[in-house]
Amino acid sequence: MPDACPSHHFATPKTGKVVKLGPAGNSSIETYIAAPSGKPTAAVIIFPDVYGWQWNNTRLWADRLAKAGFLAVLPDWFRGDVLGSDVMAFIGRQKKDRVIADFNTVVAAIKKAYPSVKKIGQEGFCWGGLYTALLSTPQAPKVDAAVAFHASLLTPKLIDAITGPVSLQQADPLLDTQINSTFYKYIEGAFKAKQAKGGQQVITYYKGMPHGFSVRGNFSIPAFAKASNTAFDEGVKFLKQHLLSR
């Protein structure tokens, strides 16, 4: 699952701060938070790729979400665990039950610290895209809207279970083995069927972009920068529609 893109930083994060959420002690969750000006009414909980919450580009992405009007929240879902040479072993250690429990802790802490927050959105990258889907099914907990960028670990069964507003911003299916052409067509068909019944699920892809393009591309190349910026803007537009306009 490692991305197919070179690793390049945008810059150095400046907007956010690192705090601990939840109970004191070892149960607390280190979290990067970037707040907008004024009282936020919606929070976007970010699930990063396997490179984790300290990756500069993901924190800068959070900063940009804050500038767009959201309270951006990027927790350490991996609880200090660091990716090694065995990607699947690392993923296997990130148990869904624990991650979901931590999500509940984060949401409760955010709503306590920021009582103006009424709606919760989600953005997921690669590994985090799994939780874009999981948190958009009828099972609790559920977010009000979610966006994934080059999502991984999805299955047809999980796609079929999605009921909440979801936007999948994907890499080129010809280049991305996580959602290849066959699976992309399946998702496209499933989402069209949901739309026919009033569902708000969309999928698009960026031609020529490999897995990881949104936060791990070589942004000195105009095509990468354009695709990343467009994906960011599309995600913000979708989240504003469902989190800020009602």
C-alpha atoms as a PDB file:
ATOM      1  CA  MET A   1       0.000   0.000   0.000  1.00  0.00           C
ATOM      2  CA  PRO A   2       2.886   2.530   0.064  1.00  0.00           C
ATOM      3  CA  ASP A   3       2.154   5.402  -2.294  1.00  0.00           C
ATOM      4  CA  ALA A   4       3.545   5.505  -5.784  1.00  0.00           C
ATOM      5  CA  CYS A   5       4.546   9.159  -5.474  1.00  0.00           C
ATOM      6  CA  PRO A   6       7.748  10.818  -4.320  1.00  0.00           C
ATOM      7  CA  SER A   7       7.523  12.417  -0.894  1.00  0.00           C
ATOM      8  CA  HIS A   8       7.596  16.196  -1.047  1.00  0.00           C
ATOM      9  CA  HIS A   9       6.595  18.726   1.587  1.00  0.00           C
ATOM     10  CA  PHE A  10       4.478  21.773   0.815  1.00  0.00           C
ATOM     11  CA  ALA A  11       6.025  23.814   3.647  1.00  0.00           C
ATOM     12  CA  THR A  12       5.980  23.850   7.451  1.00  0.00           C
ATOM     13  CA  PRO A  13       2.643  23.711   9.323  1.00  0.00           C
ATOM     14  CA  LYS A  14       1.908  26.998  11.091  1.00  0.00           C
ATOM     15  CA  THR A  15      -1.772  27.185  11.994  1.00  0.00           C
ATOM     16  CA  GLY A  16      -2.330  24.245  14.298  1.00  0.00           C
ATOM     17  CA  LYS A  17      -1.208  23.045  17.693  1.00  0.00           C
ATOM     18  CA  VAL A  18      -0.683  19.656  19.320  1.00  0.00           C
ATOM     19  CA  VAL A  19      -2.958  18.807  22.237  1.00  0.00           C
ATOM     20  CA  LYS A  20      -4.030  15.696  24.117  1.00  0.00           C
ATOM     21  CA  LEU A  21      -7.671  14.677  23.905  1.00  0.00           C
ATOM     22  CA  GLY A  22      -9.628  12.386  26.190  1.00  0.00           C
ATOM     23  CA  PRO A  23      -8.769  11.018  29.633  1.00  0.00           C
ATOM     24  CA  ALA A  24      -5.486  11.957  31.250  1.00  0.00           C
ATOM     25  CA  GLY A  25      -2.523   9.602  31.148  1.00  0.00           C
ATOM     26  CA  ASN A  26      -1.865   6.877  28.617  1.00  0.00           C
ATOM     27  CA  SER A  27      -5.477   6.929  27.436  1.00  0.00           C
ATOM     28  CA  SER A  28      -5.195  10.447  26.029  1.00  0.00           C
ATOM     29  CA  ILE A  29      -4.751  10.849  22.283  1.00  0.00           C
ATOM     30  CA  GLU A  30      -2.155  13.219  20.833  1.00  0.00           C
ATOM     31  CA  THR A  31      -3.866  15.370  18.239  1.00  0.00           C
ATOM     32  CA  TYR A  32      -2.986  18.153  15.825  1.00  0.00           C
ATOM     33  CA  ILE A  33      -5.779  20.747  15.787  1.00  0.00           C
ATOM     34  CA  ALA A  34      -6.119  23.702  13.438  1.00  0.00           C
ATOM     35  CA  ALA A  35      -8.952  26.092  14.260  1.00  0.00           C
ATOM     36  CA  PRO A  36     -10.663  28.620  11.998  1.00  0.00           C
ATOM     37  CA  SER A  37     -11.186  32.240  12.920  1.00  0.00           C
ATOM     38  CA  GLY A  38     -14.354  32.587  14.941  1.00  0.00           C
ATOM     39  CA  LYS A  39     -16.375  29.818  16.542  1.00  0.00           C
ATOM     40  CA  PRO A  40     -16.389  26.631  14.437  1.00  0.00           C
ATOM     41  CA  THR A  41     -19.731  24.975  13.765  1.00  0.00           C
ATOM     42  CA  ALA A  42     -18.304  21.872  12.094  1.00  0.00           C
ATOM     43  CA  ALA A  43     -15.256  19.724  12.750  1.00  0.00           C
ATOM     44  CA  VAL A  44     -13.474  17.571  10.185  1.00  0.00           C
ATOM     45  CA  ILE A  45     -11.746  14.553  11.713  1.00  0.00           C
ATOM     46  CA  ILE A  46      -8.784  13.504   9.576  1.00  0.00           C
ATOM     47  CA  PHE A  47      -7.589   9.929   9.135  1.00  0.00           C
ATOM     48  CA  PRO A  48      -4.145  10.021   7.465  1.00  0.00           C
ATOM     49  CA  ASP A  49      -2.367   7.454   5.357  1.00  0.00           C
ATOM     50  CA  VAL A  50      -0.049   4.893   6.938  1.00  0.00           C
ATOM     51  CA  TYR A  51       2.663   7.522   7.361  1.00  0.00           C
ATOM     52  CA  GLY A  52       0.692   8.990  10.208  1.00  0.00           C
ATOM     53  CA  TRP A  53      -0.404  12.195  11.853  1.00  0.00           C
ATOM     54  CA  GLN A  54       3.033  13.861  11.937  1.00  0.00           C
ATOM     55  CA  TRP A  55       3.444  14.009   8.163  1.00  0.00           C
ATOM     56  CA  ASN A  56       3.873  17.713   7.315  1.00  0.00           C
ATOM     57  CA  ASN A  57       1.679  17.681   4.237  1.00  0.00           C
ATOM     58  CA  THR A  58      -1.242  16.179   6.133  1.00  0.00           C
ATOM     59  CA  ARG A  59      -0.908  18.818   8.855  1.00  0.00           C
ATOM     60  CA  LEU A  60      -0.753  21.515   6.200  1.00  0.00           C
ATOM     61  CA  TRP A  61      -3.903  20.031   4.717  1.00  0.00           C
ATOM     62  CA  ALA A  62      -5.498  20.454   8.153  1.00  0.00           C
ATOM     63  CA  ASP A  63      -4.337  24.075   8.206  1.00  0.00           C
ATOM     64  CA  ARG A  64      -6.043  24.640   4.864  1.00  0.00           C
ATOM     65  CA  LEU A  65      -9.267  23.077   6.139  1.00  0.00           C
ATOM     66  CA  ALA A  66      -9.182  25.511   9.048  1.00  0.00           C
ATOM     67  CA  LYS A  67      -8.813  28.417   6.633  1.00  0.00           C
ATOM     68  CA  ALA A  68     -11.854  27.032   4.806  1.00  0.00           C
ATOM     69  CA  GLY A  69     -13.906  27.356   7.997  1.00  0.00           C
ATOM     70  CA  PHE A  70     -13.639  23.953   9.646  1.00  0.00           C
ATOM     71  CA  LEU A  71     -12.133  22.849  12.931  1.00  0.00           C
ATOM     72  CA  ALA A  72      -9.538  20.401  11.566  1.00  0.00           C
ATOM     73  CA  VAL A  73      -8.649  17.529  13.882  1.00  0.00           C
ATOM     74  CA  LEU A  74      -5.788  15.113  13.108  1.00  0.00           C
ATOM     75  CA  PRO A  75      -5.326  12.507  15.884  1.00  0.00           C
ATOM     76  CA  ASP A  76      -2.603   9.902  16.279  1.00  0.00           C
ATOM     77  CA  TRP A  77      -4.804   6.925  15.454  1.00  0.00           C
ATOM     78  CA  PHE A  78      -1.722   4.694  15.516  1.00  0.00           C
ATOM     79  CA  ARG A  79      -1.007   5.500  19.173  1.00  0.00           C
ATOM     80  CA  GLY A  80       2.707   6.019  18.627  1.00  0.00           C
ATOM     81  CA  ASP A  81       3.130   2.997  16.367  1.00  0.00           C
ATOM     82  CA  VAL A  82       5.349   3.727  13.365  1.00  0.00           C
ATOM     83  CA  LEU A  83       5.287   2.160   9.916  1.00  0.00           C
ATOM     84  CA  GLY A  84       8.124  -0.279   9.302  1.00  0.00           C
ATOM     85  CA  SER A  85       9.046  -2.422   6.327  1.00  0.00           C
ATOM     86  CA  ASP A  86       5.962  -4.656   6.656  1.00  0.00           C
ATOM     87  CA  VAL A  87       3.016  -2.458   5.706  1.00  0.00           C
ATOM     88  CA  MET A  88       0.321  -5.100   6.145  1.00  0.00           C
ATOM     89  CA  ALA A  89       1.629  -6.080   9.574  1.00  0.00           C
ATOM     90  CA  PHE A  90       1.446  -2.422  10.578  1.00  0.00           C
ATOM     91  CA  ILE A  91      -2.115  -2.130   9.292  1.00  0.00           C
ATOM     92  CA  GLY A  92      -3.040  -5.326  11.093  1.00  0.00           C
ATOM     93  CA  ARG A  93      -1.988  -3.774  14.395  1.00  0.00           C
ATOM     94  CA  GLN A  94      -4.429  -0.905  13.941  1.00  0.00           C
ATOM     95  CA  LYS A  95      -7.519  -2.696  15.197  1.00  0.00           C
ATOM     96  CA  LYS A  96     -10.823  -1.257  14.028  1.00  0.00           C
ATOM     97  CA  ASP A  97     -12.469  -1.544  17.438  1.00  0.00           C
ATOM     98  CA  ARG A  98      -9.714   0.520  19.050  1.00  0.00           C
ATOM     99  CA  VAL A  99      -9.717   3.112  16.290  1.00  0.00           C
ATOM    100  CA  ILE A 100     -13.497   3.502  16.500  1.00  0.00           C
ATOM    101  CA  ALA A 101     -13.292   3.789  20.287  1.00  0.00           C
ATOM    102  CA  ASP A 102     -10.643   6.487  19.877  1.00  0.00           C
ATOM    103  CA  PHE A 103     -12.869   8.235  17.346  1.00  0.00           C
ATOM    104  CA  ASN A 104     -15.673   8.369  19.909  1.00  0.00           C
ATOM    105  CA  THR A 105     -13.231   9.769  22.467  1.00  0.00           C
ATOM    106  CA  VAL A 106     -12.020  12.430  20.041  1.00  0.00           C
ATOM    107  CA  VAL A 107     -15.532  13.521  19.067  1.00  0.00           C
ATOM    108  CA  ALA A 108     -16.641  13.761  22.699  1.00  0.00           C
ATOM    109  CA  ALA A 109     -13.553  15.797  23.600  1.00  0.00           C
ATOM    110  CA  ILE A 110     -13.994  18.129  20.636  1.00  0.00           C
ATOM    111  CA  LYS A 111     -17.646  18.786  21.416  1.00  0.00           C
ATOM    112  CA  LYS A 112     -16.721  19.531  25.025  1.00  0.00           C
ATOM    113  CA  ALA A 113     -13.869  21.875  24.110  1.00  0.00           C
ATOM    114  CA  TYR A 114     -15.743  23.486  21.208  1.00  0.00           C
ATOM    115  CA  PRO A 115     -19.462  23.530  22.119  1.00  0.00           C
ATOM    116  CA  SER A 116     -20.219  25.513  18.958  1.00  0.00           C
ATOM    117  CA  VAL A 117     -19.448  22.402  16.876  1.00  0.00           C
ATOM    118  CA  LYS A 118     -22.716  20.814  15.801  1.00  0.00           C
ATOM    119  CA  LYS A 119     -21.661  18.619  12.877  1.00  0.00           C
ATOM    120  CA  ILE A 120     -18.822  16.173  12.350  1.00  0.00           C
ATOM    121  CA  GLY A 121     -17.203  15.466   9.005  1.00  0.00           C
ATOM    122  CA  GLN A 122     -14.336  13.178   8.069  1.00  0.00           C
ATOM    123  CA  GLU A 123     -11.511  13.107   5.561  1.00  0.00           C
ATOM    124  CA  GLY A 124      -9.417  10.016   4.953  1.00  0.00           C
ATOM    125  CA  PHE A 125      -6.250   9.356   2.980  1.00  0.00           C
ATOM    126  CA  CYS A 126      -5.359   5.850   1.770  1.00  0.00           C
ATOM    127  CA  TRP A 127      -5.709   3.818   5.029  1.00  0.00           C
ATOM    128  CA  GLY A 128      -7.977   6.550   6.343  1.00  0.00           C
ATOM    129  CA  GLY A 129     -10.337   6.037   3.420  1.00  0.00           C
ATOM    130  CA  LEU A 130     -11.477   2.820   5.049  1.00  0.00           C
ATOM    131  CA  TYR A 131     -12.937   4.915   7.863  1.00  0.00           C
ATOM    132  CA  THR A 132     -14.537   7.286   5.364  1.00  0.00           C
ATOM    133  CA  ALA A 133     -16.683   4.317   4.416  1.00  0.00           C
ATOM    134  CA  LEU A 134     -17.067   2.744   7.861  1.00  0.00           C
ATOM    135  CA  LEU A 135     -18.235   6.009   9.414  1.00  0.00           C
ATOM    136  CA  SER A 136     -20.768   6.486   6.607  1.00  0.00           C
ATOM    137  CA  THR A 137     -22.739   3.295   7.215  1.00  0.00           C
ATOM    138  CA  PRO A 138     -25.869   3.064   9.405  1.00  0.00           C
ATOM    139  CA  GLN A 139     -23.839   1.636  12.277  1.00  0.00           C
ATOM    140  CA  ALA A 140     -22.877   4.035  15.061  1.00  0.00           C
ATOM    141  CA  PRO A 141     -20.781   6.120  15.162  1.00  0.00           C
ATOM    142  CA  LYS A 142     -21.607   7.965  11.970  1.00  0.00           C
ATOM    143  CA  VAL A 143     -20.362  11.246  10.530  1.00  0.00           C
ATOM    144  CA  ASP A 144     -22.478  13.833   8.747  1.00  0.00           C
ATOM    145  CA  ALA A 145     -20.326  13.751   5.588  1.00  0.00           C
ATOM    146  CA  ALA A 146     -17.011  12.242   4.537  1.00  0.00           C
ATOM    147  CA  VAL A 147     -14.391  12.549   1.813  1.00  0.00           C
ATOM    148  CA  ALA A 148     -11.646  10.076   0.900  1.00  0.00           C
ATOM    149  CA  PHE A 149      -8.549  10.664  -1.186  1.00  0.00           C
ATOM    150  CA  HIS A 150      -7.106   7.594  -2.948  1.00  0.00           C
ATOM    151  CA  ALA A 151      -8.958   5.333  -0.503  1.00  0.00           C
ATOM    152  CA  SER A 152      -7.658   1.858   0.303  1.00  0.00           C
ATOM    153  CA  LEU A 153      -8.941  -1.330   1.930  1.00  0.00           C
ATOM    154  CA  LEU A 154     -12.476  -0.890   0.614  1.00  0.00           C
ATOM    155  CA  THR A 155     -14.626  -3.843  -0.425  1.00  0.00           C
ATOM    156  CA  PRO A 156     -17.808  -4.166  -2.494  1.00  0.00           C
ATOM    157  CA  LYS A 157     -19.693  -5.120   0.672  1.00  0.00           C
ATOM    158  CA  LEU A 158     -18.567  -1.957   2.424  1.00  0.00           C
ATOM    159  CA  ILE A 159     -19.392   0.195  -0.601  1.00  0.00           C
ATOM    160  CA  ASP A 160     -22.883  -1.283  -0.663  1.00  0.00           C
ATOM    161  CA  ALA A 161     -23.341  -0.472   3.038  1.00  0.00           C
ATOM    162  CA  ILE A 162     -22.647   3.266   2.668  1.00  0.00           C
ATOM    163  CA  THR A 163     -25.690   5.443   3.301  1.00  0.00           C
ATOM    164  CA  GLY A 164     -24.193   8.804   4.331  1.00  0.00           C
ATOM    165  CA  PRO A 165     -22.873  11.545   2.051  1.00  0.00           C
ATOM    166  CA  VAL A 166     -19.499  10.393   0.675  1.00  0.00           C
ATOM    167  CA  SER A 167     -17.103  11.752  -1.925  1.00  0.00           C
ATOM    168  CA  LEU A 168     -14.284   9.533  -3.183  1.00  0.00           C
ATOM    169  CA  GLN A 169     -11.468  11.478  -4.854  1.00  0.00           C
ATOM    170  CA  GLN A 170      -9.451   8.712  -6.459  1.00  0.00           C
ATOM    171  CA  ALA A 171      -6.170   8.203  -8.240  1.00  0.00           C
ATOM    172  CA  ASP A 172      -6.235   6.993 -11.835  1.00  0.00           C
ATOM    173  CA  PRO A 173      -7.763   3.471 -11.784  1.00  0.00           C
ATOM    174  CA  LEU A 174      -5.224   2.448 -14.419  1.00  0.00           C
ATOM    175  CA  LEU A 175      -2.413   3.239 -11.968  1.00  0.00           C
ATOM    176  CA  ASP A 176      -3.895   2.521  -8.537  1.00  0.00           C
ATOM    177  CA  THR A 177      -4.167  -1.123  -7.521  1.00  0.00           C
ATOM    178  CA  GLN A 178      -6.245  -0.228  -4.456  1.00  0.00           C
ATOM    179  CA  ILE A 179      -9.175   0.844  -6.619  1.00  0.00           C
ATOM    180  CA  ASN A 180      -8.442  -0.473 -10.083  1.00  0.00           C
ATOM    181  CA  SER A 181     -10.623  -0.058 -13.160  1.00  0.00           C
ATOM    182  CA  THR A 182     -12.885  -2.997 -12.340  1.00  0.00           C
ATOM    183  CA  PHE A 183     -13.515  -1.896  -8.755  1.00  0.00           C
ATOM    184  CA  TYR A 184     -13.902   1.732  -9.820  1.00  0.00           C
ATOM    185  CA  LYS A 185     -16.668   0.762 -12.237  1.00  0.00           C
ATOM    186  CA  TYR A 186     -18.341  -1.248  -9.468  1.00  0.00           C
ATOM    187  CA  ILE A 187     -18.287   1.730  -7.097  1.00  0.00           C
ATOM    188  CA  GLU A 188     -19.485   4.061  -9.835  1.00  0.00           C
ATOM    189  CA  GLY A 189     -22.441   1.778 -10.523  1.00  0.00           C
ATOM    190  CA  ALA A 190     -23.245   1.333  -6.840  1.00  0.00           C
ATOM    191  CA  PHE A 191     -23.177   5.082  -6.240  1.00  0.00           C
ATOM    192  CA  LYS A 192     -25.383   5.781  -9.262  1.00  0.00           C
ATOM    193  CA  ALA A 193     -27.925   3.314  -7.879  1.00  0.00           C
ATOM    194  CA  LYS A 194     -27.817   5.099  -4.525  1.00  0.00           C
ATOM    195  CA  GLN A 195     -28.197   8.492  -6.224  1.00  0.00           C
ATOM    196  CA  ALA A 196     -31.316   7.246  -7.998  1.00  0.00           C
ATOM    197  CA  LYS A 197     -32.820   6.719  -4.549  1.00  0.00           C
ATOM    198  CA  GLY A 198     -31.744  10.106  -3.228  1.00  0.00           C
ATOM    199  CA  GLY A 199     -28.272   9.115  -2.046  1.00  0.00           C
ATOM    200  CA  GLN A 200     -25.415  11.599  -1.952  1.00  0.00           C
ATOM    201  CA  GLN A 201     -22.414   9.497  -2.894  1.00  0.00           C
ATOM    202  CA  VAL A 202     -19.987  10.495  -5.641  1.00  0.00           C
ATOM    203  CA  ILE A 203     -16.703   9.219  -7.043  1.00  0.00           C
ATOM    204  CA  THR A 204     -14.226  10.799  -9.419  1.00  0.00           C
ATOM    205  CA  TYR A 205     -10.622  10.200 -10.408  1.00  0.00           C
ATOM    206  CA  TYR A 206      -7.645  12.232 -11.549  1.00  0.00           C
ATOM    207  CA  LYS A 207      -6.180  11.048 -14.824  1.00  0.00           C
ATOM    208  CA  GLY A 208      -2.503  10.214 -14.673  1.00  0.00           C
ATOM    209  CA  MET A 209      -2.336  10.511 -10.887  1.00  0.00           C
ATOM    210  CA  PRO A 210      -0.896   7.594  -8.888  1.00  0.00           C
ATOM    211  CA  HIS A 211      -1.926   6.501  -5.423  1.00  0.00           C
ATOM    212  CA  GLY A 212      -1.020   9.113  -2.827  1.00  0.00           C
ATOM    213  CA  PHE A 213      -1.130  12.089  -5.189  1.00  0.00           C
ATOM    214  CA  SER A 214      -3.036  14.434  -2.867  1.00  0.00           C
ATOM    215  CA  VAL A 215      -0.477  14.667  -0.054  1.00  0.00           C
ATOM    216  CA  ARG A 216       2.565  12.772  -1.322  1.00  0.00           C
ATOM    217  CA  GLY A 217       2.974  13.992  -4.880  1.00  0.00           C
ATOM    218  CA  ASN A 218       5.845  15.971  -6.362  1.00  0.00           C
ATOM    219  CA  PHE A 219       4.134  19.348  -6.255  1.00  0.00           C
ATOM    220  CA  SER A 220       6.879  21.032  -8.248  1.00  0.00           C
ATOM    221  CA  ILE A 221       5.250  19.257 -11.197  1.00  0.00           C
ATOM    222  CA  PRO A 222       2.221  21.351 -12.249  1.00  0.00           C
ATOM    223  CA  ALA A 223      -0.007  18.338 -12.940  1.00  0.00           C
ATOM    224  CA  PHE A 224       0.488  17.014  -9.402  1.00  0.00           C
ATOM    225  CA  ALA A 225      -0.084  20.408  -7.819  1.00  0.00           C
ATOM    226  CA  LYS A 226      -3.235  20.966  -9.877  1.00  0.00           C
ATOM    227  CA  ALA A 227      -4.682  17.535  -9.062  1.00  0.00           C
ATOM    228  CA  SER A 228      -3.964  17.903  -5.351  1.00  0.00           C
ATOM    229  CA  ASN A 229      -5.465  21.390  -5.191  1.00  0.00           C
ATOM    230  CA  THR A 230      -8.515  20.355  -7.176  1.00  0.00           C
ATOM    231  CA  ALA A 231      -9.097  17.348  -4.928  1.00  0.00           C
ATOM    232  CA  PHE A 232      -8.780  19.566  -1.854  1.00  0.00           C
ATOM    233  CA  ASP A 233     -11.244  22.078  -3.285  1.00  0.00           C
ATOM    234  CA  GLU A 234     -13.730  19.380  -4.251  1.00  0.00           C
ATOM    235  CA  GLY A 235     -13.538  17.937  -0.750  1.00  0.00           C
ATOM    236  CA  VAL A 236     -14.127  21.336   0.838  1.00  0.00           C
ATOM    237  CA  LYS A 237     -17.052  22.026  -1.495  1.00  0.00           C
ATOM    238  CA  PHE A 238     -18.645  18.693  -0.580  1.00  0.00           C
ATOM    239  CA  LEU A 239     -18.128  19.164   3.152  1.00  0.00           C
ATOM    240  CA  LYS A 240     -19.431  22.732   3.105  1.00  0.00           C
ATOM    241  CA  GLN A 241     -22.552  21.529   1.331  1.00  0.00           C
ATOM    242  CA  HIS A 242     -23.298  18.992   4.045  1.00  0.00           C
ATOM    243  CA  LEU A 243     -21.779  20.544   7.157  1.00  0.00           C
ATOM    244  CA  LEU A 244     -22.038  24.315   6.839  1.00  0.00           C
ATOM    245  CA  SER A 245     -25.004  25.069   4.585  1.00  0.00           C
ATOM    246  CA  ARG A 246     -27.803  23.637   6.715  1.00  0.00           C
END
